PDB file of N, CA and C in Angstrom:
ATOM      1  N   MET A   1     -32.305 -10.618  26.381  1.00  0.00           N
ATOM      2  CA  MET A   1     -33.187 -10.138  25.329  1.00  0.00           C
ATOM      3  C   MET A   1     -32.343  -9.660  24.152  1.00  0.00           C
ATOM      4  N   ASP A   2     -32.744  -9.998  22.975  1.00  0.00           N
ATOM      5  CA  ASP A   2     -32.045  -9.585  21.773  1.00  0.00           C
ATOM      6  C   ASP A   2     -32.709  -8.326  21.216  1.00  0.00           C
ATOM      7  N   LEU A   3     -32.095  -7.191  21.465  1.00  0.00           N
ATOM      8  CA  LEU A   3     -32.689  -5.919  21.025  1.00  0.00           C
ATOM      9  C   LEU A   3     -32.827  -5.815  19.515  1.00  0.00           C
ATOM     10  N   PHE A   4     -31.975  -6.515  18.784  1.00  0.00           N
ATOM     11  CA  PHE A   4     -32.015  -6.400  17.326  1.00  0.00           C
ATOM     12  C   PHE A   4     -33.333  -6.899  16.739  1.00  0.00           C
ATOM     13  N   THR A   5     -34.004  -7.794  17.446  1.00  0.00           N
ATOM     14  CA  THR A   5     -35.274  -8.334  16.952  1.00  0.00           C
ATOM     15  C   THR A   5     -36.366  -8.290  18.011  1.00  0.00           C
ATOM     16  N   ALA A   6     -36.173  -7.509  19.059  1.00  0.00           N
ATOM     17  CA  ALA A   6     -37.147  -7.434  20.156  1.00  0.00           C
ATOM     18  C   ALA A   6     -38.496  -6.919  19.661  1.00  0.00           C
ATOM     19  N   ASP A   7     -39.564  -7.392  20.289  1.00  0.00           N
ATOM     20  CA  ASP A   7     -40.912  -6.941  19.925  1.00  0.00           C
ATOM     21  C   ASP A   7     -41.155  -5.495  20.333  1.00  0.00           C
ATOM     22  N   THR A   8     -40.488  -5.054  21.398  1.00  0.00           N
ATOM     23  CA  THR A   8     -40.658  -3.693  21.896  1.00  0.00           C
ATOM     24  C   THR A   8     -39.290  -3.055  22.092  1.00  0.00           C
ATOM     25  N   ILE A   9     -39.118  -1.864  21.538  1.00  0.00           N
ATOM     26  CA  ILE A   9     -37.862  -1.132  21.708  1.00  0.00           C
ATOM     27  C   ILE A   9     -38.162   0.314  22.088  1.00  0.00           C
ATOM     28  N   THR A  10     -37.224   0.920  22.781  1.00  0.00           N
ATOM     29  CA  THR A  10     -37.357   2.331  23.167  1.00  0.00           C
ATOM     30  C   THR A  10     -36.394   3.163  22.344  1.00  0.00           C
ATOM     31  N   ALA A  11     -36.543   4.457  22.427  1.00  0.00           N
ATOM     32  CA  ALA A  11     -35.615   5.361  21.750  1.00  0.00           C
ATOM     33  C   ALA A  11     -34.195   5.139  22.280  1.00  0.00           C
ATOM     34  N   ALA A  12     -34.073   4.871  23.576  1.00  0.00           N
ATOM     35  CA  ALA A  12     -32.753   4.598  24.168  1.00  0.00           C
ATOM     36  C   ALA A  12     -32.164   3.304  23.593  1.00  0.00           C
ATOM     37  N   ASP A  13     -33.018   2.278  23.398  1.00  0.00           N
ATOM     38  CA  ASP A  13     -32.558   1.031  22.784  1.00  0.00           C
ATOM     39  C   ASP A  13     -32.012   1.290  21.387  1.00  0.00           C
ATOM     40  N   ILE A  14     -32.704   2.105  20.634  1.00  0.00           N
ATOM     41  CA  ILE A  14     -32.281   2.416  19.270  1.00  0.00           C
ATOM     42  C   ILE A  14     -30.906   3.080  19.284  1.00  0.00           C
ATOM     43  N   GLU A  15     -30.678   3.978  20.215  1.00  0.00           N
ATOM     44  CA  GLU A  15     -29.367   4.633  20.315  1.00  0.00           C
ATOM     45  C   GLU A  15     -28.272   3.626  20.650  1.00  0.00           C
ATOM     46  N   VAL A  16     -28.564   2.692  21.543  1.00  0.00           N
ATOM     47  CA  VAL A  16     -27.590   1.639  21.888  1.00  0.00           C
ATOM     48  C   VAL A  16     -27.286   0.790  20.658  1.00  0.00           C
ATOM     49  N   LEU A  17     -28.316   0.404  19.931  1.00  0.00           N
ATOM     50  CA  LEU A  17     -28.121  -0.412  18.738  1.00  0.00           C
ATOM     51  C   LEU A  17     -27.292   0.325  17.687  1.00  0.00           C
ATOM     52  N   LYS A  18     -27.530   1.605  17.525  1.00  0.00           N
ATOM     53  CA  LYS A  18     -26.750   2.395  16.572  1.00  0.00           C
ATOM     54  C   LYS A  18     -25.269   2.406  16.957  1.00  0.00           C
ATOM     55  N   LEU A  19     -24.986   2.520  18.246  1.00  0.00           N
ATOM     56  CA  LEU A  19     -23.595   2.510  18.716  1.00  0.00           C
ATOM     57  C   LEU A  19     -22.941   1.154  18.451  1.00  0.00           C
ATOM     58  N   ILE A  20     -23.677   0.086  18.704  1.00  0.00           N
ATOM     59  CA  ILE A  20     -23.146  -1.252  18.444  1.00  0.00           C
ATOM     60  C   ILE A  20     -22.847  -1.413  16.954  1.00  0.00           C
ATOM     61  N   CYS A  21     -23.780  -1.022  16.121  1.00  0.00           N
ATOM     62  CA  CYS A  21     -23.609  -1.162  14.677  1.00  0.00           C
ATOM     63  C   CYS A  21     -22.454  -0.310  14.145  1.00  0.00           C
ATOM     64  N   ALA A  22     -22.257   0.850  14.736  1.00  0.00           N
ATOM     65  CA  ALA A  22     -21.187   1.752  14.276  1.00  0.00           C
ATOM     66  C   ALA A  22     -19.804   1.125  14.461  1.00  0.00           C
ATOM     67  N   ARG A  23     -19.670   0.204  15.436  1.00  0.00           N
ATOM     68  CA  ARG A  23     -18.377  -0.430  15.701  1.00  0.00           C
ATOM     69  C   ARG A  23     -18.291  -1.848  15.144  1.00  0.00           C
ATOM     70  N   CYS A  24     -19.315  -2.303  14.481  1.00  0.00           N
ATOM     71  CA  CYS A  24     -19.392  -3.694  14.042  1.00  0.00           C
ATOM     72  C   CYS A  24     -18.554  -3.938  12.786  1.00  0.00           C
ATOM     73  N   ASP A  25     -17.791  -5.027  12.818  1.00  0.00           N
ATOM     74  CA  ASP A  25     -16.945  -5.385  11.675  1.00  0.00           C
ATOM     75  C   ASP A  25     -17.723  -5.943  10.492  1.00  0.00           C
ATOM     76  N   VAL A  26     -18.951  -6.388  10.718  1.00  0.00           N
ATOM     77  CA  VAL A  26     -19.731  -6.984   9.636  1.00  0.00           C
ATOM     78  C   VAL A  26     -20.926  -6.120   9.236  1.00  0.00           C
ATOM     79  N   ALA A  27     -20.870  -4.845   9.536  1.00  0.00           N
ATOM     80  CA  ALA A  27     -21.990  -3.946   9.235  1.00  0.00           C
ATOM     81  C   ALA A  27     -22.324  -3.938   7.743  1.00  0.00           C
ATOM     82  N   LEU A  28     -21.319  -3.965   6.889  1.00  0.00           N
ATOM     83  CA  LEU A  28     -21.579  -3.966   5.450  1.00  0.00           C
ATOM     84  C   LEU A  28     -22.305  -5.244   5.041  1.00  0.00           C
ATOM     85  N   LEU A  29     -21.852  -6.385   5.542  1.00  0.00           N
ATOM     86  CA  LEU A  29     -22.531  -7.645   5.243  1.00  0.00           C
ATOM     87  C   LEU A  29     -23.957  -7.649   5.784  1.00  0.00           C
ATOM     88  N   CYS A  30     -24.135  -7.081   6.950  1.00  0.00           N
ATOM     89  CA  CYS A  30     -25.456  -6.977   7.563  1.00  0.00           C
ATOM     90  C   CYS A  30     -26.383  -6.151   6.677  1.00  0.00           C
ATOM     91  N   TRP A  31     -25.903  -5.016   6.222  1.00  0.00           N
ATOM     92  CA  TRP A  31     -26.690  -4.150   5.345  1.00  0.00           C
ATOM     93  C   TRP A  31     -27.028  -4.875   4.035  1.00  0.00           C
ATOM     94  N   GLN A  32     -26.037  -5.587   3.480  1.00  0.00           N
ATOM     95  CA  GLN A  32     -26.269  -6.317   2.237  1.00  0.00           C
ATOM     96  C   GLN A  32     -27.330  -7.400   2.426  1.00  0.00           C
ATOM     97  N   TYR A  33     -27.264  -8.088   3.567  1.00  0.00           N
ATOM     98  CA  TYR A  33     -28.273  -9.116   3.854  1.00  0.00           C
ATOM     99  C   TYR A  33     -29.657  -8.490   3.982  1.00  0.00           C
ATOM    100  N   ALA A  34     -29.758  -7.398   4.729  1.00  0.00           N
ATOM    101  CA  ALA A  34     -31.048  -6.731   4.913  1.00  0.00           C
ATOM    102  C   ALA A  34     -31.623  -6.298   3.569  1.00  0.00           C
ATOM    103  N   LYS A  35     -30.762  -5.790   2.716  1.00  0.00           N
ATOM    104  CA  LYS A  35     -31.208  -5.347   1.397  1.00  0.00           C
ATOM    105  C   LYS A  35     -31.644  -6.537   0.542  1.00  0.00           C
ATOM    106  N   ALA A  36     -30.831  -7.591   0.520  1.00  0.00           N
ATOM    107  CA  ALA A  36     -31.136  -8.760  -0.308  1.00  0.00           C
ATOM    108  C   ALA A  36     -32.384  -9.489   0.169  1.00  0.00           C
ATOM    109  N   SER A  37     -32.586  -9.525   1.487  1.00  0.00           N
ATOM    110  CA  SER A  37     -33.734 -10.242   2.035  1.00  0.00           C
ATOM    111  C   SER A  37     -34.980  -9.364   2.146  1.00  0.00           C
ATOM    112  N   LYS A  38     -34.811  -8.089   1.770  1.00  0.00           N
ATOM    113  CA  LYS A  38     -35.915  -7.122   1.855  1.00  0.00           C
ATOM    114  C   LYS A  38     -36.487  -7.085   3.270  1.00  0.00           C
ATOM    115  N   ALA A  39     -35.593  -6.915   4.233  1.00  0.00           N
ATOM    116  CA  ALA A  39     -35.966  -6.902   5.652  1.00  0.00           C
ATOM    117  C   ALA A  39     -37.069  -5.891   5.913  1.00  0.00           C
ATOM    118  N   LYS A  40     -38.076  -6.346   6.637  1.00  0.00           N
ATOM    119  CA  LYS A  40     -39.191  -5.464   6.989  1.00  0.00           C
ATOM    120  C   LYS A  40     -39.210  -5.176   8.487  1.00  0.00           C
ATOM    121  N   VAL A  41     -38.542  -6.032   9.261  1.00  0.00           N
ATOM    122  CA  VAL A  41     -38.530  -5.900  10.709  1.00  0.00           C
ATOM    123  C   VAL A  41     -37.134  -6.193  11.228  1.00  0.00           C
ATOM    124  N   GLY A  42     -36.737  -5.464  12.250  1.00  0.00           N
ATOM    125  CA  GLY A  42     -35.446  -5.697  12.890  1.00  0.00           C
ATOM    126  C   GLY A  42     -34.540  -4.494  12.755  1.00  0.00           C
ATOM    127  N   PHE A  43     -33.404  -4.600  13.388  1.00  0.00           N
ATOM    128  CA  PHE A  43     -32.411  -3.529  13.339  1.00  0.00           C
ATOM    129  C   PHE A  43     -31.209  -4.077  12.600  1.00  0.00           C
ATOM    130  N   TRP A  44     -30.939  -3.555  11.416  1.00  0.00           N
ATOM    131  CA  TRP A  44     -29.908  -4.075  10.536  1.00  0.00           C
ATOM    132  C   TRP A  44     -28.936  -2.965  10.162  1.00  0.00           C
ATOM    133  N   ALA A  45     -27.663  -3.176  10.448  1.00  0.00           N
ATOM    134  CA  ALA A  45     -26.590  -2.264  10.037  1.00  0.00           C
ATOM    135  C   ALA A  45     -26.886  -0.813  10.419  1.00  0.00           C
ATOM    136  N   GLY A  46     -27.396  -0.620  11.612  1.00  0.00           N
ATOM    137  CA  GLY A  46     -27.628   0.729  12.105  1.00  0.00           C
ATOM    138  C   GLY A  46     -28.950   1.342  11.716  1.00  0.00           C
ATOM    139  N   LYS A  47     -29.833   0.558  11.097  1.00  0.00           N
ATOM    140  CA  LYS A  47     -31.123   1.097  10.657  1.00  0.00           C
ATOM    141  C   LYS A  47     -32.261   0.252  11.205  1.00  0.00           C
ATOM    142  N   ASN A  48     -33.302   0.917  11.701  1.00  0.00           N
ATOM    143  CA  ASN A  48     -34.488   0.245  12.216  1.00  0.00           C
ATOM    144  C   ASN A  48     -35.436  -0.027  11.049  1.00  0.00           C
ATOM    145  N   TYR A  49     -35.664  -1.288  10.772  1.00  0.00           N
ATOM    146  CA  TYR A  49     -36.553  -1.679   9.683  1.00  0.00           C
ATOM    147  C   TYR A  49     -37.939  -1.946  10.218  1.00  0.00           C
ATOM    148  N   GLY A  50     -38.713  -0.909  10.321  1.00  0.00           N
ATOM    149  CA  GLY A  50     -40.128  -1.006  10.616  1.00  0.00           C
ATOM    150  C   GLY A  50     -40.507  -1.530  11.982  1.00  0.00           C
ATOM    151  N   LEU A  51     -41.749  -1.361  12.272  1.00  0.00           N
ATOM    152  CA  LEU A  51     -42.313  -1.790  13.533  1.00  0.00           C
ATOM    153  C   LEU A  51     -43.325  -2.900  13.324  1.00  0.00           C
ATOM    154  N   GLY A  52     -43.436  -3.423  12.113  1.00  0.00           N
ATOM    155  CA  GLY A  52     -44.435  -4.433  11.791  1.00  0.00           C
ATOM    156  C   GLY A  52     -44.305  -5.702  12.605  1.00  0.00           C
ATOM    157  N   ALA A  53     -45.177  -6.632  12.364  1.00  0.00           N
ATOM    158  CA  ALA A  53     -45.195  -7.947  13.003  1.00  0.00           C
ATOM    159  C   ALA A  53     -45.209  -7.867  14.515  1.00  0.00           C
ATOM    160  N   GLY A  54     -45.979  -6.927  15.053  1.00  0.00           N
ATOM    161  CA  GLY A  54     -46.108  -6.819  16.495  1.00  0.00           C
ATOM    162  C   GLY A  54     -45.040  -6.002  17.174  1.00  0.00           C
ATOM    163  N   ARG A  55     -44.054  -5.535  16.443  1.00  0.00           N
ATOM    164  CA  ARG A  55     -42.956  -4.753  17.012  1.00  0.00           C
ATOM    165  C   ARG A  55     -43.432  -3.331  17.249  1.00  0.00           C
ATOM    166  N   THR A  56     -43.248  -2.838  18.461  1.00  0.00           N
ATOM    167  CA  THR A  56     -43.679  -1.483  18.800  1.00  0.00           C
ATOM    168  C   THR A  56     -42.527  -0.719  19.424  1.00  0.00           C
ATOM    169  N   GLN A  57     -42.605   0.582  19.356  1.00  0.00           N
ATOM    170  CA  GLN A  57     -41.598   1.427  19.990  1.00  0.00           C
ATOM    171  C   GLN A  57     -42.233   2.077  21.213  1.00  0.00           C
ATOM    172  N   GLN A  58     -41.612   1.876  22.358  1.00  0.00           N
ATOM    173  CA  GLN A  58     -42.102   2.483  23.586  1.00  0.00           C
ATOM    174  C   GLN A  58     -41.528   3.877  23.726  1.00  0.00           C
ATOM    175  N   LYS A  59     -42.333   4.778  24.221  1.00  0.00           N
ATOM    176  CA  LYS A  59     -41.853   6.118  24.517  1.00  0.00           C
ATOM    177  C   LYS A  59     -41.238   6.109  25.911  1.00  0.00           C
ATOM    178  N   ALA A  60     -40.181   6.880  26.072  1.00  0.00           N
ATOM    179  CA  ALA A  60     -39.519   6.960  27.383  1.00  0.00           C
ATOM    180  C   ALA A  60     -40.475   7.589  28.396  1.00  0.00           C
ATOM    181  N   ALA A  61     -40.427   7.084  29.607  1.00  0.00           N
ATOM    182  CA  ALA A  61     -41.319   7.598  30.663  1.00  0.00           C
ATOM    183  C   ALA A  61     -40.803   8.904  31.224  1.00  0.00           C
TER     184      ALA A  61
END
């Protein structure tokens, strides 16, 4: 499963994604792409871009 574009993510998933992005060599390019493409959904350069298009955040049990 690709968490960066998954339809459902948890708070724990978001923390994992933030850690991955913090060590990523292309984070700046990722952020630039998200900005240029006006990203509305997905996880880009350490930031969660909305829950639209069927994407939901699950609460931890």
